[in-house]
C-alpha atoms as a PDB file:
ATOM      1  CA  UNK A   1     -64.283 -27.010 -22.084  1.00  0.00           C
ATOM      2  CA  UNK A   2     -62.386 -25.529 -19.132  1.00  0.00           C
ATOM      3  CA  UNK A   3     -60.732 -22.384 -19.791  1.00  0.00           C
ATOM      4  CA  UNK A   4     -57.398 -22.436 -18.118  1.00  0.00           C
ATOM      5  CA  UNK A   5     -55.498 -19.313 -17.003  1.00  0.00           C
ATOM      6  CA  UNK A   6     -52.229 -20.807 -17.647  1.00  0.00           C
ATOM      7  CA  UNK A   7     -49.999 -19.232 -20.375  1.00  0.00           C
ATOM      8  CA  UNK A   8     -48.405 -21.400 -23.202  1.00  0.00           C
ATOM      9  CA  UNK A   9     -45.000 -19.555 -22.774  1.00  0.00           C
ATOM     10  CA  UNK A  10     -43.858 -16.542 -20.577  1.00  0.00           C
ATOM     11  CA  UNK A  11     -43.905 -14.442 -23.601  1.00  0.00           C
ATOM     12  CA  UNK A  12     -47.349 -15.348 -24.599  1.00  0.00           C
ATOM     13  CA  UNK A  13     -50.928 -14.023 -23.408  1.00  0.00           C
ATOM     14  CA  UNK A  14     -53.102 -16.481 -21.752  1.00  0.00           C
ATOM     15  CA  UNK A  15     -56.686 -16.646 -22.971  1.00  0.00           C
ATOM     16  CA  UNK A  16     -58.011 -14.152 -20.417  1.00  0.00           C
ATOM     17  CA  UNK A  17     -55.082 -11.745 -21.334  1.00  0.00           C
ATOM     18  CA  UNK A  18     -56.165 -12.105 -25.132  1.00  0.00           C
ATOM     19  CA  UNK A  19     -59.489 -11.215 -23.853  1.00  0.00           C
ATOM     20  CA  UNK A  20     -58.142  -8.185 -21.931  1.00  0.00           C
ATOM     21  CA  UNK A  21     -56.173  -7.030 -24.967  1.00  0.00           C
ATOM     22  CA  UNK A  22     -59.495  -7.138 -26.700  1.00  0.00           C
ATOM     23  CA  UNK A  23     -61.053  -5.060 -24.059  1.00  0.00           C
ATOM     24  CA  UNK A  24     -58.138  -2.539 -24.415  1.00  0.00           C
ATOM     25  CA  UNK A  25     -58.634  -2.432 -28.082  1.00  0.00           C
ATOM     26  CA  UNK A  26     -62.316  -1.901 -27.930  1.00  0.00           C
ATOM     27  CA  UNK A  27     -61.661   1.146 -25.669  1.00  0.00           C
ATOM     28  CA  UNK A  28     -58.965   2.465 -27.936  1.00  0.00           C
ATOM     29  CA  UNK A  29     -60.918   2.113 -31.157  1.00  0.00           C
ATOM     30  CA  UNK A  30     -64.100   3.396 -29.668  1.00  0.00           C
ATOM     31  CA  UNK A  31     -62.234   6.738 -29.129  1.00  0.00           C
ATOM     32  CA  UNK A  32     -60.690   6.456 -32.510  1.00  0.00           C
ATOM     33  CA  UNK A  33     -64.038   5.829 -34.234  1.00  0.00           C
ATOM     34  CA  UNK A  34     -65.810   8.729 -32.302  1.00  0.00           C
ATOM     35  CA  UNK A  35     -63.003  11.143 -33.030  1.00  0.00           C
ATOM     36  CA  UNK A  36     -62.754  10.529 -36.480  1.00  0.00           C
ATOM     37  CA  UNK A  37     -66.202  11.835 -37.410  1.00  0.00           C
ATOM     38  CA  UNK A  38     -65.078  15.410 -36.373  1.00  0.00           C
ATOM     39  CA  UNK A  39     -61.543  15.081 -37.921  1.00  0.00           C
ATOM     40  CA  UNK A  40     -60.007  15.592 -41.403  1.00  0.00           C
ATOM     41  CA  UNK A  41     -57.224  13.189 -40.778  1.00  0.00           C
ATOM     42  CA  UNK A  42     -57.251   9.513 -39.447  1.00  0.00           C
ATOM     43  CA  UNK A  43     -53.925   9.787 -37.327  1.00  0.00           C
ATOM     44  CA  UNK A  44     -54.231   8.281 -33.981  1.00  0.00           C
ATOM     45  CA  UNK A  45     -51.807   7.316 -31.087  1.00  0.00           C
ATOM     46  CA  UNK A  46     -50.830   3.821 -30.764  1.00  0.00           C
ATOM     47  CA  UNK A  47     -50.728   2.350 -27.257  1.00  0.00           C
ATOM     48  CA  UNK A  48     -48.440  -0.027 -25.086  1.00  0.00           C
ATOM     49  CA  UNK A  49     -50.490  -3.369 -25.515  1.00  0.00           C
ATOM     50  CA  UNK A  50     -48.162  -5.532 -23.533  1.00  0.00           C
ATOM     51  CA  UNK A  51     -47.871  -3.343 -20.794  1.00  0.00           C
ATOM     52  CA  UNK A  52     -51.537  -2.470 -20.566  1.00  0.00           C
ATOM     53  CA  UNK A  53     -52.275  -6.260 -20.312  1.00  0.00           C
ATOM     54  CA  UNK A  54     -49.751  -6.794 -17.554  1.00  0.00           C
ATOM     55  CA  UNK A  55     -50.783  -3.665 -15.784  1.00  0.00           C
ATOM     56  CA  UNK A  56     -54.653  -4.719 -15.719  1.00  0.00           C
ATOM     57  CA  UNK A  57     -53.858  -8.147 -14.298  1.00  0.00           C
ATOM     58  CA  UNK A  58     -56.336  -9.778 -16.567  1.00  0.00           C
ATOM     59  CA  UNK A  59     -55.009 -13.242 -15.902  1.00  0.00           C
ATOM     60  CA  UNK A  60     -56.197 -12.941 -12.269  1.00  0.00           C
ATOM     61  CA  UNK A  61     -59.917 -11.617 -13.104  1.00  0.00           C
ATOM     62  CA  UNK A  62     -63.022 -13.493 -13.214  1.00  0.00           C
ATOM     63  CA  UNK A  63     -64.006 -14.719 -16.696  1.00  0.00           C
ATOM     64  CA  UNK A  64     -67.640 -13.693 -16.367  1.00  0.00           C
ATOM     65  CA  UNK A  65     -66.883 -10.177 -15.703  1.00  0.00           C
ATOM     66  CA  UNK A  66     -64.476  -9.882 -18.550  1.00  0.00           C
ATOM     67  CA  UNK A  67     -66.714 -11.415 -21.087  1.00  0.00           C
ATOM     68  CA  UNK A  68     -69.536  -9.218 -20.062  1.00  0.00           C
ATOM     69  CA  UNK A  69     -67.104  -6.214 -19.973  1.00  0.00           C
ATOM     70  CA  UNK A  70     -65.803  -7.171 -23.612  1.00  0.00           C
ATOM     71  CA  UNK A  71     -69.564  -7.811 -24.877  1.00  0.00           C
ATOM     72  CA  UNK A  72     -70.805  -4.335 -23.267  1.00  0.00           C
ATOM     73  CA  UNK A  73     -68.023  -2.491 -25.009  1.00  0.00           C
ATOM     74  CA  UNK A  74     -68.543  -4.087 -28.397  1.00  0.00           C
ATOM     75  CA  UNK A  75     -72.541  -3.500 -28.387  1.00  0.00           C
ATOM     76  CA  UNK A  76     -71.575   0.234 -27.531  1.00  0.00           C
ATOM     77  CA  UNK A  77     -69.073   0.448 -30.480  1.00  0.00           C
ATOM     78  CA  UNK A  78     -71.718  -1.263 -32.862  1.00  0.00           C
ATOM     79  CA  UNK A  79     -74.259   1.372 -32.099  1.00  0.00           C
ATOM     80  CA  UNK A  80     -71.867   4.012 -32.646  1.00  0.00           C
ATOM     81  CA  UNK A  81     -71.024   2.552 -35.907  1.00  0.00           C
ATOM     82  CA  UNK A  82     -74.524   2.570 -36.806  1.00  0.00           C
ATOM     83  CA  UNK A  83     -75.062   6.162 -35.885  1.00  0.00           C
ATOM     84  CA  UNK A  84     -71.969   7.394 -37.730  1.00  0.00           C
ATOM     85  CA  UNK A  85     -72.999   9.020 -41.247  1.00  0.00           C
ATOM     86  CA  UNK A  86     -72.014   6.687 -44.329  1.00  0.00           C
ATOM     87  CA  UNK A  87     -70.280   9.747 -46.122  1.00  0.00           C
ATOM     88  CA  UNK A  88     -68.218  10.237 -42.787  1.00  0.00           C
ATOM     89  CA  UNK A  89     -67.180   6.416 -42.771  1.00  0.00           C
ATOM     90  CA  UNK A  90     -66.356   6.209 -46.714  1.00  0.00           C
ATOM     91  CA  UNK A  91     -64.651   9.576 -46.928  1.00  0.00           C
ATOM     92  CA  UNK A  92     -61.177   8.797 -48.304  1.00  0.00           C
ATOM     93  CA  UNK A  93     -58.009  10.545 -46.920  1.00  0.00           C
ATOM     94  CA  UNK A  94     -54.098   9.504 -47.386  1.00  0.00           C
ATOM     95  CA  UNK A  95     -53.484  11.412 -43.892  1.00  0.00           C
ATOM     96  CA  UNK A  96     -53.745   8.375 -41.770  1.00  0.00           C
ATOM     97  CA  UNK A  97     -51.278   6.195 -39.874  1.00  0.00           C
ATOM     98  CA  UNK A  98     -52.760   2.888 -40.707  1.00  0.00           C
ATOM     99  CA  UNK A  99     -49.283   1.613 -41.578  1.00  0.00           C
ATOM    100  CA  UNK A 100     -48.730   1.754 -37.521  1.00  0.00           C
ATOM    101  CA  UNK A 101     -52.001   1.304 -35.778  1.00  0.00           C
ATOM    102  CA  UNK A 102     -54.024  -1.296 -37.943  1.00  0.00           C
ATOM    103  CA  UNK A 103     -53.942  -5.209 -37.960  1.00  0.00           C
ATOM    104  CA  UNK A 104     -54.051  -5.451 -41.669  1.00  0.00           C
ATOM    105  CA  UNK A 105     -51.346  -2.625 -42.103  1.00  0.00           C
ATOM    106  CA  UNK A 106     -51.541  -0.434 -45.231  1.00  0.00           C
ATOM    107  CA  UNK A 107     -49.058   1.920 -46.948  1.00  0.00           C
ATOM    108  CA  UNK A 108     -48.772   5.286 -45.725  1.00  0.00           C
ATOM    109  CA  UNK A 109     -49.781   7.243 -48.950  1.00  0.00           C
ATOM    110  CA  UNK A 110     -52.464   4.718 -49.804  1.00  0.00           C
ATOM    111  CA  UNK A 111     -55.936   6.263 -49.652  1.00  0.00           C
ATOM    112  CA  UNK A 112     -58.333   4.841 -46.843  1.00  0.00           C
ATOM    113  CA  UNK A 113     -61.122   5.534 -44.739  1.00  0.00           C
ATOM    114  CA  UNK A 114     -62.974   5.131 -41.328  1.00  0.00           C
ATOM    115  CA  UNK A 115     -64.577   2.383 -42.897  1.00  0.00           C
ATOM    116  CA  UNK A 116     -61.063   0.495 -43.313  1.00  0.00           C
ATOM    117  CA  UNK A 117     -60.437   1.063 -39.909  1.00  0.00           C
ATOM    118  CA  UNK A 118     -63.854  -0.203 -38.446  1.00  0.00           C
ATOM    119  CA  UNK A 119     -63.396  -3.259 -40.817  1.00  0.00           C
ATOM    120  CA  UNK A 120     -59.663  -3.637 -39.731  1.00  0.00           C
ATOM    121  CA  UNK A 121     -61.114  -3.714 -36.134  1.00  0.00           C
ATOM    122  CA  UNK A 122     -63.494  -6.434 -36.799  1.00  0.00           C
ATOM    123  CA  UNK A 123     -60.806  -8.500 -38.555  1.00  0.00           C
ATOM    124  CA  UNK A 124     -58.479  -7.976 -35.537  1.00  0.00           C
ATOM    125  CA  UNK A 125     -61.307  -9.089 -33.229  1.00  0.00           C
ATOM    126  CA  UNK A 126     -62.094 -12.314 -35.169  1.00  0.00           C
ATOM    127  CA  UNK A 127     -58.231 -13.287 -35.241  1.00  0.00           C
ATOM    128  CA  UNK A 128     -58.239 -13.015 -31.337  1.00  0.00           C
ATOM    129  CA  UNK A 129     -61.468 -14.760 -30.837  1.00  0.00           C
ATOM    130  CA  UNK A 130     -60.040 -17.636 -33.062  1.00  0.00           C
ATOM    131  CA  UNK A 131     -56.893 -17.495 -30.720  1.00  0.00           C
ATOM    132  CA  UNK A 132     -59.040 -17.821 -27.658  1.00  0.00           C
ATOM    133  CA  UNK A 133     -60.958 -20.701 -29.176  1.00  0.00           C
ATOM    134  CA  UNK A 134     -58.122 -22.797 -30.408  1.00  0.00           C
ATOM    135  CA  UNK A 135     -55.664 -22.322 -27.350  1.00  0.00           C
END
């Protein structure tokens, strides 16, 4: 399979840009996960996804470097997730902004947890990996 760097359309990300977005998402979500442990709320900043992808010029980068970076970040995230005490992951709160930051949005006042955010990250990851595979 030859991985092309061409975009399907000007307003769509290429495969490399999708992977770059997953790298950005890994960085952002790592910060969210580690900070959530010491907070009572689960309110986190959004980030300008399209701008970050464009700024970092992922489309011109080496595939192997991008894949290795993505892999390393996610292995690091997996180790973090394993080390977070379950009571911290499952603690419920309705003070969150999962109506704005999650892949699978939930109502603002609906109770949720760090576990939800972690699982949402995985679903987001799967979604974009499918996009790369089926590009």
